[in-house]
Amino acid sequence: MIRLNNVTKIYETQGIKTNALNGISLEIKDGEMIAVMGPSGSGKTTLLNIIGCMDSLTGGKYEYNECEVSALKRGQLNAFRKEHISFVFQNFALMKDYTVYENVELPLLARNISKKERKKIVNEKLELMGISELTKKYATQISGGQQQRCAIARALAAGNDMILADEPTGALDSKTGDEIMEAFIRVNKMGKTVIIITHDQKVAKKCNRVIEIEDGKIKVHND
């Protein structure tokens, strides 16, 4: 379970302080699929970055199960992120000079997994995402929807508990976006905790719960 207790985040630039998050308290159960919505500048991306250990909080507490994440030092945070968290981005964040297979293989190389086991995992995830025929294609040779499926397959290959997605359908047409959301639903049914930042009500409606943020605070919390 993810627990945030009175979390604040203040950015300071040239002596000017900006409150990105202002007292966020939130619980997300293991295996939930959550949509986070809000206008630009509301703090939703900051919230995702804190949950994903890409940014540190200014005040409050962040706990994941029995671990007090907000008390971890930088090296410990990196290890925690590597063990528990995978990201999916709006722009896919694929390596353009790598094939689909090589992109999905990347997190496994970082874990020193054997070549035989890597091949098994990569092929399994590509098949799950319906793009097993694209293994030798480069990222620049496939469609946006296929690139996002590749990015999800890469996130799954790492075997982490949490999938954090920042506007994963934002660069896609409506039909392809629907297909990507069906892929996320399959991922969630595998037991993964999925947190999606979105502006799209259609995307939000496919999640178990919607959290709306405005001015760094939770405005609406729909169970």
Protein backbone atom coordinates (compact mmCIF):
# COMPACT_ATOMS: atom_id res chain seq x y z
CA MET A 1 0.00 0.00 0.00
CA ILE A 2 1.10 3.54 -0.82
CA ARG A 3 0.51 6.01 2.02
CA LEU A 4 1.08 9.74 1.71
CA ASN A 5 0.59 11.77 4.87
CA ASN A 6 0.44 15.58 4.63
CA VAL A 7 2.96 15.64 1.77
CA THR A 8 4.24 19.02 0.63
CA LYS A 9 6.60 19.97 -2.17
CA ILE A 10 8.07 23.45 -2.51
CA TYR A 11 10.26 24.46 -5.44
CA GLU A 12 12.51 27.49 -5.11
CA THR A 13 13.88 29.35 -8.13
CA GLN A 14 15.83 32.58 -7.77
CA GLY A 15 14.38 33.11 -4.31
CA ILE A 16 10.79 32.54 -5.43
CA LYS A 17 9.00 29.66 -3.73
CA THR A 18 6.25 27.68 -5.44
CA ASN A 19 4.01 25.28 -3.55
CA ALA A 20 3.55 22.37 -5.97
CA LEU A 21 1.91 20.11 -3.38
CA ASN A 22 0.16 21.45 -0.31
CA GLY A 23 -0.73 18.81 2.29
CA ILE A 24 -1.58 15.75 0.20
CA SER A 25 -2.81 12.75 2.20
CA LEU A 26 -3.69 9.65 0.22
CA GLU A 27 -3.78 5.86 0.35
CA ILE A 28 -3.56 3.59 -2.70
CA LYS A 29 -4.03 -0.13 -2.15
CA ASP A 30 -1.91 -2.74 -3.87
CA GLY A 31 -3.49 -3.71 -7.18
CA GLU A 32 -5.58 -0.55 -7.62
CA MET A 33 -5.83 1.29 -10.93
CA ILE A 34 -5.99 5.04 -10.24
CA ALA A 35 -6.49 8.06 -12.49
CA VAL A 36 -5.02 11.39 -11.35
CA MET A 37 -6.59 14.43 -13.02
CA GLY A 38 -6.21 18.18 -12.77
CA PRO A 39 -5.40 21.31 -14.79
CA SER A 40 -1.86 22.16 -15.89
CA GLY A 41 0.19 23.26 -12.89
CA SER A 42 -2.12 21.51 -10.42
CA GLY A 43 0.66 19.29 -9.02
CA LYS A 44 -0.36 15.95 -10.54
CA THR A 45 2.99 15.31 -12.25
CA THR A 46 4.83 16.33 -9.08
CA LEU A 47 2.71 13.81 -7.18
CA LEU A 48 3.59 11.07 -9.66
CA ASN A 49 7.28 11.95 -9.48
CA ILE A 50 7.26 11.75 -5.69
CA ILE A 51 5.50 8.37 -5.72
CA GLY A 52 8.00 7.26 -8.36
CA CYS A 53 11.00 8.53 -6.33
CA MET A 54 12.03 10.87 -9.15
CA ASP A 55 11.61 13.84 -6.82
CA SER A 56 11.88 14.35 -3.07
CA LEU A 57 9.16 15.76 -0.86
CA THR A 58 9.63 18.88 1.24
CA GLY A 59 7.48 17.79 4.15
CA GLY A 60 5.23 14.97 5.29
CA LYS A 61 5.73 11.23 4.95
CA TYR A 62 5.65 8.69 2.10
CA GLU A 63 5.36 5.02 3.03
CA TYR A 64 5.19 1.94 0.84
CA ASN A 65 4.04 -1.08 2.81
CA GLU A 66 6.55 -1.30 5.69
CA CYS A 67 9.12 1.04 4.11
CA GLU A 68 9.29 4.74 4.95
CA VAL A 69 10.33 5.88 1.49
CA SER A 70 10.66 9.55 2.47
CA ALA A 71 13.42 8.61 4.96
CA LEU A 72 15.59 6.81 2.38
CA LYS A 73 18.87 8.30 1.18
CA ARG A 74 19.64 8.79 -2.52
CA GLY A 75 21.27 5.40 -3.09
CA GLN A 76 18.48 3.66 -1.20
CA LEU A 77 15.86 5.56 -3.24
CA ASN A 78 17.50 4.44 -6.48
CA ALA A 79 17.43 0.83 -5.29
CA PHE A 80 13.79 1.16 -4.19
CA ARG A 81 12.76 2.61 -7.55
CA LYS A 82 14.62 -0.12 -9.44
CA GLU A 83 12.93 -2.83 -7.38
CA HIS A 84 9.36 -1.51 -7.28
CA ILE A 85 8.60 1.11 -9.96
CA SER A 86 8.31 1.25 -13.75
CA PHE A 87 7.34 4.30 -15.83
CA VAL A 88 5.37 4.76 -19.04
CA PHE A 89 5.52 8.21 -20.66
CA GLN A 90 3.46 10.17 -23.18
CA ASN A 91 6.40 10.33 -25.61
CA PHE A 92 7.13 6.58 -25.10
CA ALA A 93 10.81 7.25 -24.14
CA LEU A 94 12.11 4.43 -26.31
CA MET A 95 15.70 4.18 -27.52
CA LYS A 96 15.36 5.13 -31.19
CA ASP A 97 18.45 3.21 -32.32
CA TYR A 98 17.31 0.02 -30.57
CA THR A 99 14.91 -2.61 -31.85
CA VAL A 100 11.62 -3.33 -30.10
CA TYR A 101 13.22 -6.43 -28.57
CA GLU A 102 16.26 -4.48 -27.34
CA ASN A 103 14.09 -1.76 -25.79
CA VAL A 104 12.11 -4.30 -23.76
CA GLU A 105 15.33 -6.08 -22.80
CA LEU A 106 16.94 -2.95 -21.29
CA PRO A 107 15.70 -3.27 -17.67
CA LEU A 108 16.74 -6.93 -17.66
CA LEU A 109 20.31 -6.11 -18.72
CA ALA A 110 20.55 -3.82 -15.70
CA ARG A 111 19.69 -6.78 -13.46
CA ASN A 112 22.30 -9.16 -14.89
CA ILE A 113 19.67 -11.71 -15.95
CA SER A 114 20.93 -14.50 -18.20
CA LYS A 115 20.46 -14.24 -21.96
CA LYS A 116 18.17 -17.29 -22.03
CA GLU A 117 15.91 -15.89 -19.29
CA ARG A 118 15.92 -12.43 -20.88
CA LYS A 119 14.70 -13.91 -24.16
CA LYS A 120 11.90 -15.75 -22.40
CA ILE A 121 10.73 -12.64 -20.50
CA VAL A 122 10.96 -10.27 -23.49
CA ASN A 123 9.04 -12.58 -25.82
CA GLU A 124 6.40 -13.17 -23.15
CA LYS A 125 5.79 -9.44 -22.62
CA LEU A 126 5.77 -8.65 -26.33
CA GLU A 127 3.22 -11.39 -26.91
CA LEU A 128 1.10 -10.07 -24.04
CA MET A 129 1.08 -6.64 -25.70
CA GLY A 130 0.29 -8.11 -29.12
CA ILE A 131 3.47 -6.94 -30.84
CA SER A 132 5.57 -10.13 -30.94
CA GLU A 133 5.94 -9.77 -34.72
CA LEU A 134 7.79 -6.45 -34.29
CA THR A 135 10.87 -7.72 -32.41
CA LYS A 136 13.35 -6.71 -35.12
CA LYS A 137 11.74 -3.38 -35.98
CA TYR A 138 13.33 -0.16 -34.73
CA ALA A 139 11.28 2.25 -32.64
CA THR A 140 11.24 4.74 -35.51
CA GLN A 141 9.68 2.13 -37.82
CA ILE A 142 6.51 1.47 -35.84
CA SER A 143 3.34 3.45 -35.06
CA GLY A 144 2.70 5.50 -31.92
CA GLY A 145 0.36 2.85 -30.54
CA GLN A 146 2.93 0.14 -31.16
CA GLN A 147 5.61 2.26 -29.49
CA GLN A 148 3.40 2.66 -26.41
CA ARG A 149 2.76 -1.09 -26.32
CA CYS A 150 6.52 -1.56 -26.46
CA ALA A 151 6.95 0.88 -23.57
CA ILE A 152 4.38 -1.03 -21.50
CA ALA A 153 6.09 -4.33 -22.34
CA ARG A 154 9.38 -2.80 -21.14
CA ALA A 155 7.73 -1.68 -17.90
CA LEU A 156 6.35 -5.20 -17.36
CA ALA A 157 9.68 -6.86 -18.14
CA ALA A 158 11.18 -5.24 -15.06
CA GLY A 159 8.69 -7.21 -12.92
CA ASN A 160 7.94 -4.26 -10.65
CA ASP A 161 4.84 -3.80 -8.47
CA MET A 162 3.93 -0.28 -9.65
CA ILE A 163 3.37 1.06 -13.15
CA LEU A 164 3.28 4.88 -13.22
CA ALA A 165 2.02 6.39 -16.47
CA ASP A 166 2.15 10.10 -17.38
CA GLU A 167 -0.46 10.88 -20.09
CA PRO A 168 0.13 7.50 -21.80
CA THR A 169 -2.61 8.12 -24.39
CA GLY A 170 -1.93 11.84 -24.87
CA ALA A 171 -0.02 11.45 -28.16
CA LEU A 172 -2.41 8.88 -29.62
CA ASP A 173 -5.68 9.02 -31.56
CA SER A 174 -8.89 8.01 -29.78
CA LYS A 175 -9.06 4.44 -31.12
CA THR A 176 -5.41 3.70 -30.34
CA GLY A 177 -5.81 5.31 -26.92
CA ASP A 178 -8.70 2.94 -26.17
CA GLU A 179 -6.51 0.00 -27.14
CA ILE A 180 -3.71 1.18 -24.87
CA MET A 181 -6.15 1.52 -21.97
CA GLU A 182 -7.29 -2.06 -22.55
CA ALA A 183 -3.62 -3.04 -22.30
CA PHE A 184 -3.34 -1.21 -18.96
CA ILE A 185 -6.47 -2.98 -17.72
CA ARG A 186 -4.83 -6.33 -18.55
CA VAL A 187 -1.71 -5.21 -16.69
CA ASN A 188 -3.82 -4.24 -13.67
CA LYS A 189 -5.54 -7.63 -13.70
CA MET A 190 -2.08 -9.18 -13.35
CA GLY A 191 -2.00 -7.59 -9.88
CA LYS A 192 0.04 -4.50 -10.73
CA THR A 193 -0.75 -1.16 -9.12
CA VAL A 194 -1.34 1.29 -11.98
CA ILE A 195 -1.40 5.08 -11.53
CA ILE A 196 -2.25 7.13 -14.61
CA ILE A 197 -2.06 10.91 -15.03
CA THR A 198 -4.57 11.99 -17.65
CA HIS A 199 -6.67 14.87 -18.95
CA ASP A 200 -9.03 12.44 -20.68
CA GLN A 201 -12.31 11.59 -18.96
CA LYS A 202 -12.60 8.43 -21.10
CA VAL A 203 -9.31 7.21 -19.67
CA ALA A 204 -10.32 8.13 -16.12
CA LYS A 205 -13.60 6.23 -16.38
CA LYS A 206 -11.73 3.01 -17.08
CA CYS A 207 -9.85 3.27 -13.78
CA ASN A 208 -11.07 2.01 -10.40
CA ARG A 209 -10.80 5.43 -8.80
CA VAL A 210 -10.28 9.07 -9.80
CA ILE A 211 -8.29 11.61 -7.79
CA GLU A 212 -8.61 15.24 -8.84
CA ILE A 213 -5.93 17.74 -7.84
CA GLU A 214 -6.09 21.52 -7.94
CA ASP A 215 -3.55 24.02 -6.59
CA GLY A 216 -1.53 21.22 -5.02
CA LYS A 217 -4.47 19.85 -3.02
CA ILE A 218 -6.84 16.95 -3.49
CA LYS A 219 -10.08 18.51 -4.75
CA VAL A 220 -12.12 15.35 -5.44
CA HIS A 221 -11.43 11.83 -4.26
CA ASN A 222 -13.88 9.38 -5.86
CA ASP A 223 -13.94 5.83 -4.50
